[in-house]
PDB file of all heavy atoms in Angstrom:
ATOM      1  N   LYS A   1     -42.874  56.600   9.785  1.00  0.00           N
ATOM      2  CA  LYS A   1     -43.953  55.831   9.179  1.00  0.00           C
ATOM      3  C   LYS A   1     -44.180  54.530   9.966  1.00  0.00           C
ATOM      4  O   LYS A   1     -45.321  54.132  10.227  1.00  0.00           O
ATOM      5  CB  LYS A   1     -43.629  55.498   7.719  1.00  0.00           C
ATOM      6  CG  LYS A   1     -43.694  56.678   6.803  1.00  0.00           C
ATOM      7  CD  LYS A   1     -43.360  56.226   5.400  1.00  0.00           C
ATOM      8  CE  LYS A   1     -43.283  57.413   4.455  1.00  0.00           C
ATOM      9  NZ  LYS A   1     -42.913  57.016   3.103  1.00  0.00           N
ATOM     10  N   ILE A   2     -43.103  53.874  10.352  1.00  0.00           N
ATOM     11  CA  ILE A   2     -43.207  52.626  11.129  1.00  0.00           C
ATOM     12  C   ILE A   2     -43.828  52.909  12.487  1.00  0.00           C
ATOM     13  O   ILE A   2     -44.721  52.177  12.946  1.00  0.00           O
ATOM     14  CB  ILE A   2     -41.814  51.964  11.263  1.00  0.00           C
ATOM     15  CG1 ILE A   2     -41.317  51.516   9.895  1.00  0.00           C
ATOM     16  CG2 ILE A   2     -41.878  50.788  12.228  1.00  0.00           C
ATOM     17  CD1 ILE A   2     -39.867  51.026   9.898  1.00  0.00           C
ATOM     18  N   ILE A   3     -43.405  53.976  13.124  1.00  0.00           N
ATOM     19  CA  ILE A   3     -43.938  54.330  14.448  1.00  0.00           C
ATOM     20  C   ILE A   3     -45.420  54.670  14.343  1.00  0.00           C
ATOM     21  O   ILE A   3     -46.231  54.242  15.170  1.00  0.00           O
ATOM     22  CB  ILE A   3     -43.126  55.500  15.057  1.00  0.00           C
ATOM     23  CG1 ILE A   3     -41.718  55.033  15.401  1.00  0.00           C
ATOM     24  CG2 ILE A   3     -43.838  56.055  16.290  1.00  0.00           C
ATOM     25  CD1 ILE A   3     -40.796  56.137  15.849  1.00  0.00           C
ATOM     26  N   LEU A   4     -45.818  55.416  13.316  1.00  0.00           N
ATOM     27  CA  LEU A   4     -47.211  55.781  13.133  1.00  0.00           C
ATOM     28  C   LEU A   4     -48.090  54.562  12.848  1.00  0.00           C
ATOM     29  O   LEU A   4     -49.185  54.435  13.413  1.00  0.00           O
ATOM     30  CB  LEU A   4     -47.338  56.787  11.974  1.00  0.00           C
ATOM     31  CG  LEU A   4     -47.868  58.137  12.432  1.00  0.00           C
ATOM     32  CD1 LEU A   4     -46.753  59.097  12.598  1.00  0.00           C
ATOM     33  CD2 LEU A   4     -48.900  58.575  11.457  1.00  0.00           C
ATOM     34  N   VAL A   5     -47.642  53.659  11.995  1.00  0.00           N
ATOM     35  CA  VAL A   5     -48.426  52.460  11.684  1.00  0.00           C
ATOM     36  C   VAL A   5     -48.579  51.588  12.925  1.00  0.00           C
ATOM     37  O   VAL A   5     -49.673  51.128  13.247  1.00  0.00           O
ATOM     38  CB  VAL A   5     -47.781  51.677  10.512  1.00  0.00           C
ATOM     39  CG1 VAL A   5     -48.427  50.318  10.354  1.00  0.00           C
ATOM     40  CG2 VAL A   5     -47.885  52.469   9.212  1.00  0.00           C
ATOM     41  N   ASN A   6     -47.492  51.341  13.634  1.00  0.00           N
ATOM     42  CA  ASN A   6     -47.567  50.527  14.858  1.00  0.00           C
ATOM     43  C   ASN A   6     -48.424  51.200  15.929  1.00  0.00           C
ATOM     44  O   ASN A   6     -49.190  50.539  16.635  1.00  0.00           O
ATOM     45  CB  ASN A   6     -46.168  50.235  15.398  1.00  0.00           C
ATOM     46  CG  ASN A   6     -45.427  49.222  14.545  1.00  0.00           C
ATOM     47  OD1 ASN A   6     -46.038  48.446  13.831  1.00  0.00           O
ATOM     48  ND2 ASN A   6     -44.104  49.248  14.620  1.00  0.00           N
ATOM     49  N   GLY A   7     -48.301  52.497  16.071  1.00  0.00           N
ATOM     50  CA  GLY A   7     -49.123  53.236  17.023  1.00  0.00           C
ATOM     51  C   GLY A   7     -50.595  53.127  16.681  1.00  0.00           C
ATOM     52  O   GLY A   7     -51.452  52.988  17.554  1.00  0.00           O
ATOM     53  N   GLY A   8     -50.920  53.208  15.386  1.00  0.00           N
ATOM     54  CA  GLY A   8     -52.310  53.064  14.948  1.00  0.00           C
ATOM     55  C   GLY A   8     -52.855  51.682  15.243  1.00  0.00           C
ATOM     56  O   GLY A   8     -54.007  51.527  15.651  1.00  0.00           O
ATOM     57  N   ILE A   9     -52.030  50.667  15.019  1.00  0.00           N
ATOM     58  CA  ILE A   9     -52.455  49.290  15.304  1.00  0.00           C
ATOM     59  C   ILE A   9     -52.715  49.120  16.800  1.00  0.00           C
ATOM     60  O   ILE A   9     -53.728  48.551  17.199  1.00  0.00           O
ATOM     61  CB  ILE A   9     -51.407  48.288  14.790  1.00  0.00           C
ATOM     62  CG1 ILE A   9     -51.379  48.313  13.253  1.00  0.00           C
ATOM     63  CG2 ILE A   9     -51.710  46.888  15.298  1.00  0.00           C
ATOM     64  CD1 ILE A   9     -50.245  47.510  12.651  1.00  0.00           C
ATOM     65  N   VAL A  10     -51.824  49.627  17.639  1.00  0.00           N
ATOM     66  CA  VAL A  10     -51.992  49.524  19.097  1.00  0.00           C
ATOM     67  C   VAL A  10     -53.255  50.261  19.529  1.00  0.00           C
ATOM     68  O   VAL A  10     -54.035  49.774  20.355  1.00  0.00           O
ATOM     69  CB  VAL A  10     -50.740  50.059  19.829  1.00  0.00           C
ATOM     70  CG1 VAL A  10     -51.008  50.242  21.309  1.00  0.00           C
ATOM     71  CG2 VAL A  10     -49.562  49.144  19.610  1.00  0.00           C
ATOM     72  N   LEU A  11     -53.500  51.453  18.955  1.00  0.00           N
ATOM     73  CA  LEU A  11     -54.693  52.218  19.291  1.00  0.00           C
ATOM     74  C   LEU A  11     -55.960  51.481  18.862  1.00  0.00           C
ATOM     75  O   LEU A  11     -56.936  51.395  19.630  1.00  0.00           O
ATOM     76  CB  LEU A  11     -54.621  53.595  18.617  1.00  0.00           C
ATOM     77  CG  LEU A  11     -55.743  54.557  18.960  1.00  0.00           C
ATOM     78  CD1 LEU A  11     -55.694  54.899  20.447  1.00  0.00           C
ATOM     79  CD2 LEU A  11     -55.632  55.811  18.116  1.00  0.00           C
ATOM     80  N   LEU A  12     -55.958  50.898  17.680  1.00  0.00           N
ATOM     81  CA  LEU A  12     -57.110  50.152  17.182  1.00  0.00           C
ATOM     82  C   LEU A  12     -57.403  48.921  18.053  1.00  0.00           C
ATOM     83  O   LEU A  12     -58.556  48.666  18.419  1.00  0.00           O
ATOM     84  CB  LEU A  12     -56.873  49.725  15.724  1.00  0.00           C
ATOM     85  CG  LEU A  12     -58.013  48.983  15.041  1.00  0.00           C
ATOM     86  CD1 LEU A  12     -59.233  49.888  14.936  1.00  0.00           C
ATOM     87  CD2 LEU A  12     -57.585  48.484  13.688  1.00  0.00           C
ATOM     88  N   VAL A  13     -56.363  48.169  18.400  1.00  0.00           N
ATOM     89  CA  VAL A  13     -56.539  46.992  19.267  1.00  0.00           C
ATOM     90  C   VAL A  13     -57.041  47.420  20.639  1.00  0.00           C
ATOM     91  O   VAL A  13     -57.913  46.777  21.235  1.00  0.00           O
ATOM     92  CB  VAL A  13     -55.218  46.186  19.362  1.00  0.00           C
ATOM     93  CG1 VAL A  13     -55.295  45.138  20.446  1.00  0.00           C
ATOM     94  CG2 VAL A  13     -54.890  45.551  18.027  1.00  0.00           C
ATOM     95  N   GLY A  14     -56.535  48.530  21.173  1.00  0.00           N
ATOM     96  CA  GLY A  14     -56.995  49.029  22.467  1.00  0.00           C
ATOM     97  C   GLY A  14     -58.460  49.386  22.463  1.00  0.00           C
ATOM     98  O   GLY A  14     -59.204  49.090  23.398  1.00  0.00           O
ATOM     99  N   VAL A  15     -58.933  50.031  21.395  1.00  0.00           N
ATOM    100  CA  VAL A  15     -60.349  50.399  21.285  1.00  0.00           C
ATOM    101  C   VAL A  15     -61.216  49.154  21.185  1.00  0.00           C
ATOM    102  O   VAL A  15     -62.270  49.061  21.830  1.00  0.00           O
ATOM    103  CB  VAL A  15     -60.563  51.341  20.068  1.00  0.00           C
ATOM    104  CG1 VAL A  15     -62.052  51.522  19.758  1.00  0.00           C
ATOM    105  CG2 VAL A  15     -59.922  52.694  20.315  1.00  0.00           C
ATOM    106  N   ILE A  16     -60.791  48.170  20.408  1.00  0.00           N
ATOM    107  CA  ILE A  16     -61.554  46.926  20.267  1.00  0.00           C
ATOM    108  C   ILE A  16     -61.654  46.213  21.607  1.00  0.00           C
ATOM    109  O   ILE A  16     -62.726  45.753  22.017  1.00  0.00           O
ATOM    110  CB  ILE A  16     -60.933  46.026  19.176  1.00  0.00           C
ATOM    111  CG1 ILE A  16     -61.138  46.638  17.797  1.00  0.00           C
ATOM    112  CG2 ILE A  16     -61.541  44.628  19.233  1.00  0.00           C
ATOM    113  CD1 ILE A  16     -60.397  45.932  16.686  1.00  0.00           C
ATOM    114  N   ILE A  17     -60.550  46.117  22.331  1.00  0.00           N
ATOM    115  CA  ILE A  17     -60.555  45.459  23.642  1.00  0.00           C
ATOM    116  C   ILE A  17     -61.461  46.212  24.618  1.00  0.00           C
ATOM    117  O   ILE A  17     -62.232  45.610  25.357  1.00  0.00           O
ATOM    118  CB  ILE A  17     -59.120  45.329  24.188  1.00  0.00           C
ATOM    119  CG1 ILE A  17     -58.356  44.289  23.373  1.00  0.00           C
ATOM    120  CG2 ILE A  17     -59.127  44.955  25.666  1.00  0.00           C
ATOM    121  CD1 ILE A  17     -56.894  44.185  23.734  1.00  0.00           C
ATOM    122  N   TYR A  18     -61.403  47.547  24.602  1.00  0.00           N
ATOM    123  CA  TYR A  18     -62.256  48.343  25.490  1.00  0.00           C
ATOM    124  C   TYR A  18     -63.731  48.075  25.203  1.00  0.00           C
ATOM    125  O   TYR A  18     -64.529  47.886  26.121  1.00  0.00           O
ATOM    126  CB  TYR A  18     -61.944  49.835  25.323  1.00  0.00           C
ATOM    127  CG  TYR A  18     -62.899  50.717  26.071  1.00  0.00           C
ATOM    128  CD1 TYR A  18     -62.785  50.880  27.445  1.00  0.00           C
ATOM    129  CD2 TYR A  18     -63.947  51.361  25.414  1.00  0.00           C
ATOM    130  CE1 TYR A  18     -63.668  51.665  28.145  1.00  0.00           C
ATOM    131  CE2 TYR A  18     -64.842  52.144  26.104  1.00  0.00           C
ATOM    132  CZ  TYR A  18     -64.703  52.294  27.468  1.00  0.00           C
ATOM    133  OH  TYR A  18     -65.592  53.071  28.162  1.00  0.00           O
ATOM    134  N   VAL A  19     -64.114  48.059  23.939  1.00  0.00           N
ATOM    135  CA  VAL A  19     -65.513  47.821  23.577  1.00  0.00           C
ATOM    136  C   VAL A  19     -65.956  46.427  24.018  1.00  0.00           C
ATOM    137  O   VAL A  19     -67.040  46.255  24.584  1.00  0.00           O
ATOM    138  CB  VAL A  19     -65.715  48.020  22.050  1.00  0.00           C
ATOM    139  CG1 VAL A  19     -67.082  47.524  21.611  1.00  0.00           C
ATOM    140  CG2 VAL A  19     -65.528  49.475  21.674  1.00  0.00           C
ATOM    141  N   LEU A  20     -65.128  45.419  23.790  1.00  0.00           N
ATOM    142  CA  LEU A  20     -65.488  44.052  24.176  1.00  0.00           C
ATOM    143  C   LEU A  20     -65.631  43.911  25.687  1.00  0.00           C
ATOM    144  O   LEU A  20     -66.593  43.317  26.180  1.00  0.00           O
ATOM    145  CB  LEU A  20     -64.457  43.066  23.636  1.00  0.00           C
ATOM    146  CG  LEU A  20     -64.453  42.858  22.119  1.00  0.00           C
ATOM    147  CD1 LEU A  20     -63.272  41.972  21.716  1.00  0.00           C
ATOM    148  CD2 LEU A  20     -65.754  42.247  21.663  1.00  0.00           C
ATOM    149  N   VAL A  21     -64.669  44.424  26.428  1.00  0.00           N
ATOM    150  CA  VAL A  21     -64.706  44.302  27.893  1.00  0.00           C
ATOM    151  C   VAL A  21     -65.869  45.093  28.474  1.00  0.00           C
ATOM    152  O   VAL A  21     -66.584  44.611  29.362  1.00  0.00           O
ATOM    153  CB  VAL A  21     -63.356  44.739  28.507  1.00  0.00           C
ATOM    154  CG1 VAL A  21     -63.461  44.878  30.009  1.00  0.00           C
ATOM    155  CG2 VAL A  21     -62.269  43.753  28.155  1.00  0.00           C
ATOM    156  N   SER A  22     -66.089  46.313  27.976  1.00  0.00           N
ATOM    157  CA  SER A  22     -67.183  47.112  28.542  1.00  0.00           C
ATOM    158  C   SER A  22     -68.545  46.493  28.240  1.00  0.00           C
ATOM    159  O   SER A  22     -69.440  46.531  29.084  1.00  0.00           O
ATOM    160  CB  SER A  22     -67.124  48.553  28.021  1.00  0.00           C
ATOM    161  OG  SER A  22     -67.394  48.586  26.636  1.00  0.00           O
ATOM    162  N   SER A  23     -68.720  45.902  27.070  1.00  0.00           N
ATOM    163  CA  SER A  23     -70.021  45.282  26.767  1.00  0.00           C
ATOM    164  C   SER A  23     -70.254  44.033  27.618  1.00  0.00           C
ATOM    165  O   SER A  23     -71.364  43.800  28.097  1.00  0.00           O
ATOM    166  CB  SER A  23     -70.127  44.941  25.280  1.00  0.00           C
ATOM    167  OG  SER A  23     -69.229  43.920  24.938  1.00  0.00           O
ATOM    168  N   SER A  24     -69.225  43.238  27.828  1.00  0.00           N
ATOM    169  CA  SER A  24     -69.404  42.053  28.668  1.00  0.00           C
ATOM    170  C   SER A  24     -69.596  42.431  30.135  1.00  0.00           C
ATOM    171  O   SER A  24     -70.376  41.801  30.845  1.00  0.00           O
ATOM    172  CB  SER A  24     -68.235  41.083  28.501  1.00  0.00           C
ATOM    173  OG  SER A  24     -67.052  41.664  28.965  1.00  0.00           O
TER     174      SER A  24
END
């Protein structure tokens, strides 16, 4: 459960960073 939650957070942050960098 801890690994899945942390993995989800890392995946979510990665997607947000990708969207921000690609738009700029």
